[in-house]
PDB file of N, CA and C in Angstrom:
ATOM      1  N   UNK A   1     123.131 -14.842   3.770  1.00  0.00           N
ATOM      2  CA  UNK A   1     122.452 -15.163   5.005  1.00  0.00           C
ATOM      3  C   UNK A   1     123.352 -14.854   6.183  1.00  0.00           C
ATOM      4  N   UNK A   2     124.653 -15.103   6.020  1.00  0.00           N
ATOM      5  CA  UNK A   2     125.589 -14.821   7.106  1.00  0.00           C
ATOM      6  C   UNK A   2     125.577 -13.336   7.434  1.00  0.00           C
ATOM      7  N   UNK A   3     125.589 -12.505   6.416  1.00  0.00           N
ATOM      8  CA  UNK A   3     125.538 -11.047   6.639  1.00  0.00           C
ATOM      9  C   UNK A   3     124.243 -10.673   7.344  1.00  0.00           C
ATOM     10  N   UNK A   4     123.149 -11.215   6.898  1.00  0.00           N
ATOM     11  CA  UNK A   4     121.855 -10.927   7.501  1.00  0.00           C
ATOM     12  C   UNK A   4     121.854 -11.328   8.973  1.00  0.00           C
ATOM     13  N   UNK A   5     122.373 -12.509   9.293  1.00  0.00           N
ATOM     14  CA  UNK A   5     122.412 -12.980  10.674  1.00  0.00           C
ATOM     15  C   UNK A   5     123.330 -12.108  11.516  1.00  0.00           C
ATOM     16  N   UNK A   6     124.430 -11.708  10.952  1.00  0.00           N
ATOM     17  CA  UNK A   6     125.404 -10.874  11.673  1.00  0.00           C
ATOM     18  C   UNK A   6     124.858  -9.484  11.957  1.00  0.00           C
ATOM     19  N   UNK A   7     124.191  -8.900  11.005  1.00  0.00           N
ATOM     20  CA  UNK A   7     123.695  -7.536  11.141  1.00  0.00           C
ATOM     21  C   UNK A   7     122.491  -7.434  12.096  1.00  0.00           C
ATOM     22  N   UNK A   8     121.724  -8.487  12.184  1.00  0.00           N
ATOM     23  CA  UNK A   8     120.541  -8.521  13.057  1.00  0.00           C
ATOM     24  C   UNK A   8     119.592  -7.342  12.801  1.00  0.00           C
ATOM     25  N   UNK A   9     119.380  -7.053  11.530  1.00  0.00           N
ATOM     26  CA  UNK A   9     118.422  -6.032  11.116  1.00  0.00           C
ATOM     27  C   UNK A   9     117.909  -6.414   9.743  1.00  0.00           C
ATOM     28  N   UNK A  10     116.835  -5.808   9.300  1.00  0.00           N
ATOM     29  CA  UNK A  10     116.258  -6.206   8.005  1.00  0.00           C
ATOM     30  C   UNK A  10     117.253  -6.067   6.848  1.00  0.00           C
ATOM     31  N   UNK A  11     117.197  -7.028   5.946  1.00  0.00           N
ATOM     32  CA  UNK A  11     118.087  -7.017   4.785  1.00  0.00           C
ATOM     33  C   UNK A  11     117.913  -5.745   3.963  1.00  0.00           C
ATOM     34  N   UNK A  12     116.706  -5.237   3.875  1.00  0.00           N
ATOM     35  CA  UNK A  12     116.473  -3.994   3.120  1.00  0.00           C
ATOM     36  C   UNK A  12     117.290  -2.835   3.704  1.00  0.00           C
ATOM     37  N   UNK A  13     117.457  -2.802   5.026  1.00  0.00           N
ATOM     38  CA  UNK A  13     118.270  -1.762   5.656  1.00  0.00           C
ATOM     39  C   UNK A  13     119.742  -1.947   5.322  1.00  0.00           C
ATOM     40  N   UNK A  14     120.200  -3.181   5.351  1.00  0.00           N
ATOM     41  CA  UNK A  14     121.601  -3.478   5.006  1.00  0.00           C
ATOM     42  C   UNK A  14     121.872  -3.066   3.565  1.00  0.00           C
ATOM     43  N   UNK A  15     120.968  -3.433   2.655  1.00  0.00           N
ATOM     44  CA  UNK A  15     121.150  -3.078   1.244  1.00  0.00           C
ATOM     45  C   UNK A  15     121.084  -1.566   1.028  1.00  0.00           C
ATOM     46  N   UNK A  16     120.211  -0.886   1.750  1.00  0.00           N
ATOM     47  CA  UNK A  16     120.137   0.575   1.631  1.00  0.00           C
ATOM     48  C   UNK A  16     121.439   1.229   2.062  1.00  0.00           C
ATOM     49  N   UNK A  17     122.037   0.736   3.144  1.00  0.00           N
ATOM     50  CA  UNK A  17     123.312   1.260   3.596  1.00  0.00           C
ATOM     51  C   UNK A  17     124.424   1.010   2.575  1.00  0.00           C
ATOM     52  N   UNK A  18     124.413  -0.182   2.003  1.00  0.00           N
ATOM     53  CA  UNK A  18     125.411  -0.528   0.991  1.00  0.00           C
ATOM     54  C   UNK A  18     125.263   0.374  -0.232  1.00  0.00           C
ATOM     55  N   UNK A  19     124.026   0.591  -0.676  1.00  0.00           N
ATOM     56  CA  UNK A  19     123.788   1.465  -1.823  1.00  0.00           C
ATOM     57  C   UNK A  19     124.212   2.896  -1.521  1.00  0.00           C
ATOM     58  N   UNK A  20     123.994   3.355  -0.313  1.00  0.00           N
ATOM     59  CA  UNK A  20     124.411   4.715   0.069  1.00  0.00           C
ATOM     60  C   UNK A  20     125.938   4.832   0.042  1.00  0.00           C
ATOM     61  N   UNK A  21     126.627   3.744   0.367  1.00  0.00           N
ATOM     62  CA  UNK A  21     128.089   3.761   0.402  1.00  0.00           C
ATOM     63  C   UNK A  21     128.730   3.661  -0.981  1.00  0.00           C
ATOM     64  N   UNK A  22     128.229   2.758  -1.819  1.00  0.00           N
ATOM     65  CA  UNK A  22     128.871   2.513  -3.120  1.00  0.00           C
ATOM     66  C   UNK A  22     128.052   2.956  -4.309  1.00  0.00           C
ATOM     67  N   UNK A  23     126.826   3.393  -4.094  1.00  0.00           N
ATOM     68  CA  UNK A  23     125.979   3.803  -5.194  1.00  0.00           C
ATOM     69  C   UNK A  23     125.064   2.676  -5.627  1.00  0.00           C
ATOM     70  N   UNK A  24     124.039   3.011  -6.380  1.00  0.00           N
ATOM     71  CA  UNK A  24     123.069   2.005  -6.804  1.00  0.00           C
ATOM     72  C   UNK A  24     123.660   1.052  -7.836  1.00  0.00           C
ATOM     73  N   UNK A  25     123.191  -0.173  -7.839  1.00  0.00           N
ATOM     74  CA  UNK A  25     123.594  -1.176  -8.823  1.00  0.00           C
ATOM     75  C   UNK A  25     122.335  -1.930  -9.234  1.00  0.00           C
ATOM     76  N   UNK A  26     122.257  -2.221 -10.514  1.00  0.00           N
ATOM     77  CA  UNK A  26     121.164  -3.023 -11.053  1.00  0.00           C
ATOM     78  C   UNK A  26     121.789  -4.161 -11.844  1.00  0.00           C
ATOM     79  N   UNK A  27     121.162  -5.312 -11.830  1.00  0.00           N
ATOM     80  CA  UNK A  27     121.703  -6.451 -12.584  1.00  0.00           C
ATOM     81  C   UNK A  27     120.583  -7.157 -13.334  1.00  0.00           C
ATOM     82  N   UNK A  28     121.005  -7.911 -14.329  1.00  0.00           N
ATOM     83  CA  UNK A  28     120.054  -8.618 -15.189  1.00  0.00           C
ATOM     84  C   UNK A  28     120.779  -9.780 -15.869  1.00  0.00           C
ATOM     85  N   UNK A  29     120.049 -10.815 -16.229  1.00  0.00           N
ATOM     86  CA  UNK A  29     120.607 -11.914 -17.009  1.00  0.00           C
ATOM     87  C   UNK A  29     119.812 -12.064 -18.292  1.00  0.00           C
ATOM     88  N   UNK A  30     120.531 -12.226 -19.387  1.00  0.00           N
ATOM     89  CA  UNK A  30     119.926 -12.517 -20.687  1.00  0.00           C
ATOM     90  C   UNK A  30     120.337 -13.923 -21.098  1.00  0.00           C
ATOM     91  N   UNK A  31     119.452 -14.630 -21.750  1.00  0.00           N
ATOM     92  CA  UNK A  31     119.767 -15.909 -22.382  1.00  0.00           C
ATOM     93  C   UNK A  31     119.631 -15.696 -23.884  1.00  0.00           C
ATOM     94  N   UNK A  32     120.768 -15.723 -24.575  1.00  0.00           N
ATOM     95  CA  UNK A  32     120.772 -15.513 -26.019  1.00  0.00           C
ATOM     96  C   UNK A  32     120.891 -16.869 -26.726  1.00  0.00           C
ATOM     97  N   UNK A  33     119.934 -17.165 -27.556  1.00  0.00           N
ATOM     98  CA  UNK A  33     119.961 -18.417 -28.308  1.00  0.00           C
ATOM     99  C   UNK A  33     121.005 -18.342 -29.419  1.00  0.00           C
ATOM    100  N   UNK A  34     121.896 -19.312 -29.414  1.00  0.00           N
ATOM    101  CA  UNK A  34     122.904 -19.440 -30.472  1.00  0.00           C
ATOM    102  C   UNK A  34     123.051 -20.944 -30.774  1.00  0.00           C
ATOM    103  N   UNK A  35     123.437 -21.277 -31.990  1.00  0.00           N
ATOM    104  CA  UNK A  35     123.648 -22.700 -32.282  1.00  0.00           C
ATOM    105  C   UNK A  35     124.696 -23.286 -31.343  1.00  0.00           C
ATOM    106  N   UNK A  36     124.459 -24.503 -30.895  1.00  0.00           N
ATOM    107  CA  UNK A  36     125.362 -25.152 -29.934  1.00  0.00           C
ATOM    108  C   UNK A  36     126.807 -25.189 -30.431  1.00  0.00           C
ATOM    109  N   UNK A  37     126.982 -25.347 -31.742  1.00  0.00           N
ATOM    110  CA  UNK A  37     128.337 -25.452 -32.271  1.00  0.00           C
ATOM    111  C   UNK A  37     129.020 -24.088 -32.413  1.00  0.00           C
ATOM    112  N   UNK A  38     128.324 -22.984 -32.108  1.00  0.00           N
ATOM    113  CA  UNK A  38     128.921 -21.636 -32.213  1.00  0.00           C
ATOM    114  C   UNK A  38     129.206 -21.014 -30.846  1.00  0.00           C
ATOM    115  N   UNK A  39     128.654 -21.596 -29.776  1.00  0.00           N
ATOM    116  CA  UNK A  39     128.783 -20.996 -28.445  1.00  0.00           C
ATOM    117  C   UNK A  39     130.242 -20.735 -28.075  1.00  0.00           C
ATOM    118  N   UNK A  40     131.045 -21.771 -28.108  1.00  0.00           N
ATOM    119  CA  UNK A  40     132.441 -21.643 -27.695  1.00  0.00           C
ATOM    120  C   UNK A  40     133.189 -20.671 -28.593  1.00  0.00           C
ATOM    121  N   UNK A  41     132.931 -20.708 -29.894  1.00  0.00           N
ATOM    122  CA  UNK A  41     133.633 -19.823 -30.834  1.00  0.00           C
ATOM    123  C   UNK A  41     133.311 -18.354 -30.564  1.00  0.00           C
ATOM    124  N   UNK A  42     132.085 -18.052 -30.211  1.00  0.00           N
ATOM    125  CA  UNK A  42     131.695 -16.669 -29.918  1.00  0.00           C
ATOM    126  C   UNK A  42     132.448 -16.171 -28.689  1.00  0.00           C
ATOM    127  N   UNK A  43     132.491 -16.989 -27.649  1.00  0.00           N
ATOM    128  CA  UNK A  43     133.168 -16.597 -26.409  1.00  0.00           C
ATOM    129  C   UNK A  43     134.681 -16.474 -26.650  1.00  0.00           C
ATOM    130  N   UNK A  44     135.253 -17.405 -27.389  1.00  0.00           N
ATOM    131  CA  UNK A  44     136.695 -17.348 -27.701  1.00  0.00           C
ATOM    132  C   UNK A  44     137.038 -16.110 -28.516  1.00  0.00           C
ATOM    133  N   UNK A  45     136.218 -15.772 -29.484  1.00  0.00           N
ATOM    134  CA  UNK A  45     136.451 -14.586 -30.296  1.00  0.00           C
ATOM    135  C   UNK A  45     136.352 -13.314 -29.464  1.00  0.00           C
ATOM    136  N   UNK A  46     135.403 -13.269 -28.547  1.00  0.00           N
ATOM    137  CA  UNK A  46     135.250 -12.119 -27.667  1.00  0.00           C
ATOM    138  C   UNK A  46     136.484 -11.947 -26.785  1.00  0.00           C
ATOM    139  N   UNK A  47     137.037 -13.044 -26.301  1.00  0.00           N
ATOM    140  CA  UNK A  47     138.244 -12.987 -25.477  1.00  0.00           C
ATOM    141  C   UNK A  47     139.469 -12.587 -26.294  1.00  0.00           C
ATOM    142  N   UNK A  48     139.557 -13.103 -27.505  1.00  0.00           N
ATOM    143  CA  UNK A  48     140.726 -12.843 -28.359  1.00  0.00           C
ATOM    144  C   UNK A  48     140.741 -11.418 -28.889  1.00  0.00           C
ATOM    145  N   UNK A  49     139.566 -10.884 -29.219  1.00  0.00           N
ATOM    146  CA  UNK A  49     139.466  -9.531 -29.770  1.00  0.00           C
ATOM    147  C   UNK A  49     138.305  -8.800 -29.099  1.00  0.00           C
ATOM    148  N   UNK A  50     138.480  -8.397 -27.857  1.00  0.00           N
ATOM    149  CA  UNK A  50     137.388  -7.697 -27.167  1.00  0.00           C
ATOM    150  C   UNK A  50     137.136  -6.329 -27.796  1.00  0.00           C
ATOM    151  N   UNK A  51     135.911  -5.865 -27.733  1.00  0.00           N
ATOM    152  CA  UNK A  51     135.616  -4.545 -28.292  1.00  0.00           C
ATOM    153  C   UNK A  51     136.259  -3.447 -27.455  1.00  0.00           C
ATOM    154  N   UNK A  52     136.507  -2.325 -28.080  1.00  0.00           N
ATOM    155  CA  UNK A  52     137.065  -1.182 -27.333  1.00  0.00           C
ATOM    156  C   UNK A  52     135.990  -0.450 -26.542  1.00  0.00           C
ATOM    157  N   UNK A  53     134.733  -0.620 -26.979  1.00  0.00           N
ATOM    158  CA  UNK A  53     133.604   0.043 -26.300  1.00  0.00           C
ATOM    159  C   UNK A  53     132.436  -0.913 -26.185  1.00  0.00           C
ATOM    160  N   UNK A  54     131.680  -0.743 -25.143  1.00  0.00           N
ATOM    161  CA  UNK A  54     130.385  -1.383 -24.978  1.00  0.00           C
ATOM    162  C   UNK A  54     129.409  -0.221 -24.894  1.00  0.00           C
ATOM    163  N   UNK A  55     128.597  -0.076 -25.915  1.00  0.00           N
ATOM    164  CA  UNK A  55     127.760   1.118 -25.997  1.00  0.00           C
ATOM    165  C   UNK A  55     128.664   2.339 -26.095  1.00  0.00           C
ATOM    166  N   UNK A  56     128.385   3.334 -25.277  1.00  0.00           N
ATOM    167  CA  UNK A  56     129.181   4.549 -25.281  1.00  0.00           C
ATOM    168  C   UNK A  56     130.376   4.508 -24.342  1.00  0.00           C
ATOM    169  N   UNK A  57     130.569   3.377 -23.635  1.00  0.00           N
ATOM    170  CA  UNK A  57     131.582   3.321 -22.587  1.00  0.00           C
ATOM    171  C   UNK A  57     132.797   2.516 -23.030  1.00  0.00           C
ATOM    172  N   UNK A  58     133.969   3.059 -22.759  1.00  0.00           N
ATOM    173  CA  UNK A  58     135.219   2.377 -23.090  1.00  0.00           C
ATOM    174  C   UNK A  58     135.379   1.146 -22.195  1.00  0.00           C
ATOM    175  N   UNK A  59     135.862   0.069 -22.794  1.00  0.00           N
ATOM    176  CA  UNK A  59     136.196  -1.125 -22.022  1.00  0.00           C
ATOM    177  C   UNK A  59     137.557  -0.876 -21.383  1.00  0.00           C
ATOM    178  N   UNK A  60     137.616  -0.984 -20.064  1.00  0.00           N
ATOM    179  CA  UNK A  60     138.873  -0.729 -19.373  1.00  0.00           C
ATOM    180  C   UNK A  60     139.528  -1.977 -18.827  1.00  0.00           C
ATOM    181  N   UNK A  61     138.799  -3.103 -18.852  1.00  0.00           N
ATOM    182  CA  UNK A  61     139.381  -4.359 -18.376  1.00  0.00           C
ATOM    183  C   UNK A  61     138.620  -5.527 -18.990  1.00  0.00           C
ATOM    184  N   UNK A  62     139.363  -6.591 -19.305  1.00  0.00           N
ATOM    185  CA  UNK A  62     138.763  -7.824 -19.794  1.00  0.00           C
ATOM    186  C   UNK A  62     139.236  -8.953 -18.880  1.00  0.00           C
ATOM    187  N   UNK A  63     138.303  -9.654 -18.306  1.00  0.00           N
ATOM    188  CA  UNK A  63     138.625 -10.792 -17.430  1.00  0.00           C
ATOM    189  C   UNK A  63     138.134 -12.063 -18.111  1.00  0.00           C
ATOM    190  N   UNK A  64     138.968 -13.089 -18.097  1.00  0.00           N
ATOM    191  CA  UNK A  64     138.613 -14.331 -18.781  1.00  0.00           C
ATOM    192  C   UNK A  64     138.524 -15.508 -17.815  1.00  0.00           C
ATOM    193  N   UNK A  65     138.091 -15.260 -16.616  1.00  0.00           N
ATOM    194  CA  UNK A  65     137.842 -16.330 -15.650  1.00  0.00           C
ATOM    195  C   UNK A  65     136.354 -16.686 -15.742  1.00  0.00           C
ATOM    196  N   UNK A  66     136.061 -17.931 -16.080  1.00  0.00           N
ATOM    197  CA  UNK A  66     134.685 -18.399 -16.142  1.00  0.00           C
ATOM    198  C   UNK A  66     133.845 -17.622 -17.143  1.00  0.00           C
ATOM    199  N   UNK A  67     134.337 -17.467 -18.348  1.00  0.00           N
ATOM    200  CA  UNK A  67     133.664 -16.704 -19.380  1.00  0.00           C
ATOM    201  C   UNK A  67     134.498 -15.494 -19.763  1.00  0.00           C
ATOM    202  N   UNK A  68     133.862 -14.507 -20.344  1.00  0.00           N
ATOM    203  CA  UNK A  68     134.524 -13.251 -20.693  1.00  0.00           C
ATOM    204  C   UNK A  68     133.732 -12.114 -20.064  1.00  0.00           C
ATOM    205  N   UNK A  69     134.423 -11.335 -19.249  1.00  0.00           N
ATOM    206  CA  UNK A  69     133.794 -10.203 -18.571  1.00  0.00           C
ATOM    207  C   UNK A  69     134.430  -8.933 -19.100  1.00  0.00           C
ATOM    208  N   UNK A  70     133.600  -8.050 -19.644  1.00  0.00           N
ATOM    209  CA  UNK A  70     134.044  -6.745 -20.139  1.00  0.00           C
ATOM    210  C   UNK A  70     133.630  -5.704 -19.094  1.00  0.00           C
ATOM    211  N   UNK A  71     134.605  -5.077 -18.477  1.00  0.00           N
ATOM    212  CA  UNK A  71     134.342  -4.065 -17.453  1.00  0.00           C
ATOM    213  C   UNK A  71     134.573  -2.709 -18.117  1.00  0.00           C
ATOM    214  N   UNK A  72     133.581  -1.841 -18.039  1.00  0.00           N
ATOM    215  CA  UNK A  72     133.655  -0.550 -18.698  1.00  0.00           C
ATOM    216  C   UNK A  72     133.865   0.580 -17.692  1.00  0.00           C
ATOM    217  N   UNK A  73     133.975   1.759 -18.228  1.00  0.00           N
ATOM    218  CA  UNK A  73     133.970   2.962 -17.405  1.00  0.00           C
ATOM    219  C   UNK A  73     132.762   2.926 -16.487  1.00  0.00           C
ATOM    220  N   UNK A  74     132.906   3.436 -15.303  1.00  0.00           N
ATOM    221  CA  UNK A  74     131.779   3.478 -14.379  1.00  0.00           C
ATOM    222  C   UNK A  74     131.479   2.123 -13.747  1.00  0.00           C
ATOM    223  N   UNK A  75     132.393   1.172 -13.912  1.00  0.00           N
ATOM    224  CA  UNK A  75     132.224  -0.171 -13.343  1.00  0.00           C
ATOM    225  C   UNK A  75     130.963  -0.881 -13.797  1.00  0.00           C
ATOM    226  N   UNK A  76     130.515  -0.588 -15.016  1.00  0.00           N
ATOM    227  CA  UNK A  76     129.460  -1.380 -15.634  1.00  0.00           C
ATOM    228  C   UNK A  76     130.139  -2.611 -16.208  1.00  0.00           C
ATOM    229  N   UNK A  77     129.420  -3.703 -16.332  1.00  0.00           N
ATOM    230  CA  UNK A  77     130.052  -4.887 -16.928  1.00  0.00           C
ATOM    231  C   UNK A  77     129.067  -5.818 -17.603  1.00  0.00           C
ATOM    232  N   UNK A  78     129.654  -6.627 -18.507  1.00  0.00           N
ATOM    233  CA  UNK A  78     128.943  -7.675 -19.242  1.00  0.00           C
ATOM    234  C   UNK A  78     129.786  -8.934 -19.084  1.00  0.00           C
ATOM    235  N   UNK A  79     129.167 -10.005 -18.600  1.00  0.00           N
ATOM    236  CA  UNK A  79     129.848 -11.304 -18.485  1.00  0.00           C
ATOM    237  C   UNK A  79     129.141 -12.274 -19.419  1.00  0.00           C
ATOM    238  N   UNK A  80     129.903 -12.920 -20.297  1.00  0.00           N
ATOM    239  CA  UNK A  80     129.349 -13.845 -21.279  1.00  0.00           C
ATOM    240  C   UNK A  80     129.895 -15.236 -20.986  1.00  0.00           C
ATOM    241  N   UNK A  81     128.971 -16.195 -20.826  1.00  0.00           N
ATOM    242  CA  UNK A  81     129.343 -17.587 -20.568  1.00  0.00           C
ATOM    243  C   UNK A  81     128.490 -18.494 -21.434  1.00  0.00           C
ATOM    244  N   UNK A  82     129.081 -19.507 -22.035  1.00  0.00           N
ATOM    245  CA  UNK A  82     128.261 -20.464 -22.780  1.00  0.00           C
ATOM    246  C   UNK A  82     127.561 -21.414 -21.807  1.00  0.00           C
ATOM    247  N   UNK A  83     126.313 -21.713 -22.070  1.00  0.00           N
ATOM    248  CA  UNK A  83     125.604 -22.722 -21.278  1.00  0.00           C
ATOM    249  C   UNK A  83     126.231 -24.075 -21.554  1.00  0.00           C
ATOM    250  N   UNK A  84     126.354 -24.855 -20.513  1.00  0.00           N
ATOM    251  CA  UNK A  84     126.909 -26.201 -20.701  1.00  0.00           C
ATOM    252  C   UNK A  84     125.886 -27.219 -21.176  1.00  0.00           C
ATOM    253  N   UNK A  85     124.607 -26.876 -21.123  1.00  0.00           N
ATOM    254  CA  UNK A  85     123.570 -27.855 -21.439  1.00  0.00           C
ATOM    255  C   UNK A  85     122.584 -27.418 -22.520  1.00  0.00           C
ATOM    256  N   UNK A  86     122.580 -26.132 -22.855  1.00  0.00           N
ATOM    257  CA  UNK A  86     121.600 -25.616 -23.811  1.00  0.00           C
ATOM    258  C   UNK A  86     122.293 -24.784 -24.890  1.00  0.00           C
ATOM    259  N   UNK A  87     121.628 -24.586 -26.034  1.00  0.00           N
ATOM    260  CA  UNK A  87     122.218 -23.748 -27.098  1.00  0.00           C
ATOM    261  C   UNK A  87     122.031 -22.265 -26.761  1.00  0.00           C
ATOM    262  N   UNK A  88     122.664 -21.827 -25.666  1.00  0.00           N
ATOM    263  CA  UNK A  88     122.507 -20.470 -25.161  1.00  0.00           C
ATOM    264  C   UNK A  88     123.828 -19.880 -24.730  1.00  0.00           C
ATOM    265  N   UNK A  89     123.905 -18.574 -24.860  1.00  0.00           N
ATOM    266  CA  UNK A  89     124.920 -17.807 -24.164  1.00  0.00           C
ATOM    267  C   UNK A  89     124.211 -17.156 -22.974  1.00  0.00           C
ATOM    268  N   UNK A  90     124.756 -17.337 -21.816  1.00  0.00           N
ATOM    269  CA  UNK A  90     124.257 -16.662 -20.620  1.00  0.00           C
ATOM    270  C   UNK A  90     125.007 -15.342 -20.518  1.00  0.00           C
ATOM    271  N   UNK A  91     124.274 -14.266 -20.467  1.00  0.00           N
ATOM    272  CA  UNK A  91     124.881 -12.948 -20.427  1.00  0.00           C
ATOM    273  C   UNK A  91     124.406 -12.243 -19.159  1.00  0.00           C
ATOM    274  N   UNK A  92     125.355 -11.912 -18.299  1.00  0.00           N
ATOM    275  CA  UNK A  92     125.043 -11.230 -17.047  1.00  0.00           C
ATOM    276  C   UNK A  92     125.471  -9.773 -17.190  1.00  0.00           C
ATOM    277  N   UNK A  93     124.630  -8.871 -16.723  1.00  0.00           N
ATOM    278  CA  UNK A  93     124.848  -7.445 -16.885  1.00  0.00           C
ATOM    279  C   UNK A  93     124.764  -6.748 -15.535  1.00  0.00           C
ATOM    280  N   UNK A  94     125.577  -5.703 -15.354  1.00  0.00           N
ATOM    281  CA  UNK A  94     125.424  -4.876 -14.166  1.00  0.00           C
ATOM    282  C   UNK A  94     125.760  -3.443 -14.530  1.00  0.00           C
ATOM    283  N   UNK A  95     124.910  -2.529 -14.036  1.00  0.00           N
ATOM    284  CA  UNK A  95     125.084  -1.087 -14.279  1.00  0.00           C
ATOM    285  C   UNK A  95     124.480  -0.337 -13.102  1.00  0.00           C
ATOM    286  N   UNK A  96     124.614   0.956 -13.141  1.00  0.00           N
ATOM    287  CA  UNK A  96     124.138   1.791 -12.034  1.00  0.00           C
ATOM    288  C   UNK A  96     122.651   2.088 -12.078  1.00  0.00           C
ATOM    289  N   UNK A  97     122.017   1.849 -13.221  1.00  0.00           N
ATOM    290  CA  UNK A  97     120.580   2.134 -13.326  1.00  0.00           C
ATOM    291  C   UNK A  97     119.976   1.335 -14.476  1.00  0.00           C
ATOM    292  N   UNK A  98     118.677   1.428 -14.619  1.00  0.00           N
ATOM    293  CA  UNK A  98     117.979   0.674 -15.666  1.00  0.00           C
ATOM    294  C   UNK A  98     118.386   1.093 -17.068  1.00  0.00           C
ATOM    295  N   UNK A  99     118.692   2.373 -17.259  1.00  0.00           N
ATOM    296  CA  UNK A  99     119.117   2.840 -18.584  1.00  0.00           C
ATOM    297  C   UNK A  99     120.463   2.224 -18.957  1.00  0.00           C
ATOM    298  N   UNK A 100     121.364   2.132 -18.007  1.00  0.00           N
ATOM    299  CA  UNK A 100     122.649   1.484 -18.243  1.00  0.00           C
ATOM    300  C   UNK A 100     122.473   0.017 -18.591  1.00  0.00           C
ATOM    301  N   UNK A 101     121.597  -0.665 -17.856  1.00  0.00           N
ATOM    302  CA  UNK A 101     121.300  -2.069 -18.164  1.00  0.00           C
ATOM    303  C   UNK A 101     120.753  -2.230 -19.580  1.00  0.00           C
ATOM    304  N   UNK A 102     119.867  -1.336 -19.965  1.00  0.00           N
ATOM    305  CA  UNK A 102     119.288  -1.407 -21.306  1.00  0.00           C
ATOM    306  C   UNK A 102     120.356  -1.250 -22.381  1.00  0.00           C
ATOM    307  N   UNK A 103     121.313  -0.339 -22.164  1.00  0.00           N
ATOM    308  CA  UNK A 103     122.382  -0.139 -23.133  1.00  0.00           C
ATOM    309  C   UNK A 103     123.292  -1.368 -23.206  1.00  0.00           C
ATOM    310  N   UNK A 104     123.595  -1.978 -22.058  1.00  0.00           N
ATOM    311  CA  UNK A 104     124.402  -3.194 -22.058  1.00  0.00           C
ATOM    312  C   UNK A 104     123.669  -4.345 -22.750  1.00  0.00           C
ATOM    313  N   UNK A 105     122.377  -4.464 -22.499  1.00  0.00           N
ATOM    314  CA  UNK A 105     121.582  -5.519 -23.141  1.00  0.00           C
ATOM    315  C   UNK A 105     121.546  -5.330 -24.646  1.00  0.00           C
ATOM    316  N   UNK A 106     121.400  -4.091 -25.078  1.00  0.00           N
ATOM    317  CA  UNK A 106     121.384  -3.824 -26.513  1.00  0.00           C
ATOM    318  C   UNK A 106     122.697  -4.232 -27.154  1.00  0.00           C
ATOM    319  N   UNK A 107     123.804  -3.901 -26.510  1.00  0.00           N
ATOM    320  CA  UNK A 107     125.120  -4.321 -27.009  1.00  0.00           C
ATOM    321  C   UNK A 107     125.175  -5.844 -27.144  1.00  0.00           C
ATOM    322  N   UNK A 108     124.772  -6.541 -26.089  1.00  0.00           N
ATOM    323  CA  UNK A 108     124.836  -8.015 -26.095  1.00  0.00           C
ATOM    324  C   UNK A 108     123.993  -8.606 -27.209  1.00  0.00           C
ATOM    325  N   UNK A 109     122.775  -8.117 -27.365  1.00  0.00           N
ATOM    326  CA  UNK A 109     121.887  -8.662 -28.387  1.00  0.00           C
ATOM    327  C   UNK A 109     122.394  -8.382 -29.786  1.00  0.00           C
ATOM    328  N   UNK A 110     123.018  -7.219 -30.005  1.00  0.00           N
ATOM    329  CA  UNK A 110     123.520  -6.877 -31.334  1.00  0.00           C
ATOM    330  C   UNK A 110     124.843  -7.559 -31.678  1.00  0.00           C
ATOM    331  N   UNK A 111     125.693  -7.809 -30.695  1.00  0.00           N
ATOM    332  CA  UNK A 111     127.039  -8.312 -30.978  1.00  0.00           C
ATOM    333  C   UNK A 111     127.291  -9.766 -30.647  1.00  0.00           C
ATOM    334  N   UNK A 112     126.371 -10.413 -29.960  1.00  0.00           N
ATOM    335  CA  UNK A 112     126.630 -11.787 -29.535  1.00  0.00           C
ATOM    336  C   UNK A 112     125.659 -12.801 -30.125  1.00  0.00           C
ATOM    337  N   UNK A 113     124.604 -12.358 -30.749  1.00  0.00           N
ATOM    338  CA  UNK A 113     123.623 -13.315 -31.294  1.00  0.00           C
ATOM    339  C   UNK A 113     123.997 -13.763 -32.671  1.00  0.00           C
TER     340      UNK A 113
END
């Protein structure tokens, strides 16, 4: 809201300028059902032994602040966090297009459920 107030122009214009500068980004959240007693173990295992690839992309960075974030080539990423109240893993995805999101989602569903 601060950016919107500062820019004094439609948010769609601000977002279009940002996309022109850094390229398109798409995001999505998945909720993967897992037994409550396995949530923490899945996240800990992912942090301890992260995969070398997510889909076809090499993992170039692993961040373990507030979950486990796997950053791949092309600045695509997957962030995995256990829900504090439900038997779920919250999985946040970001890629440059819908096809990239689909590939990240497929990885998450195959490797984290």
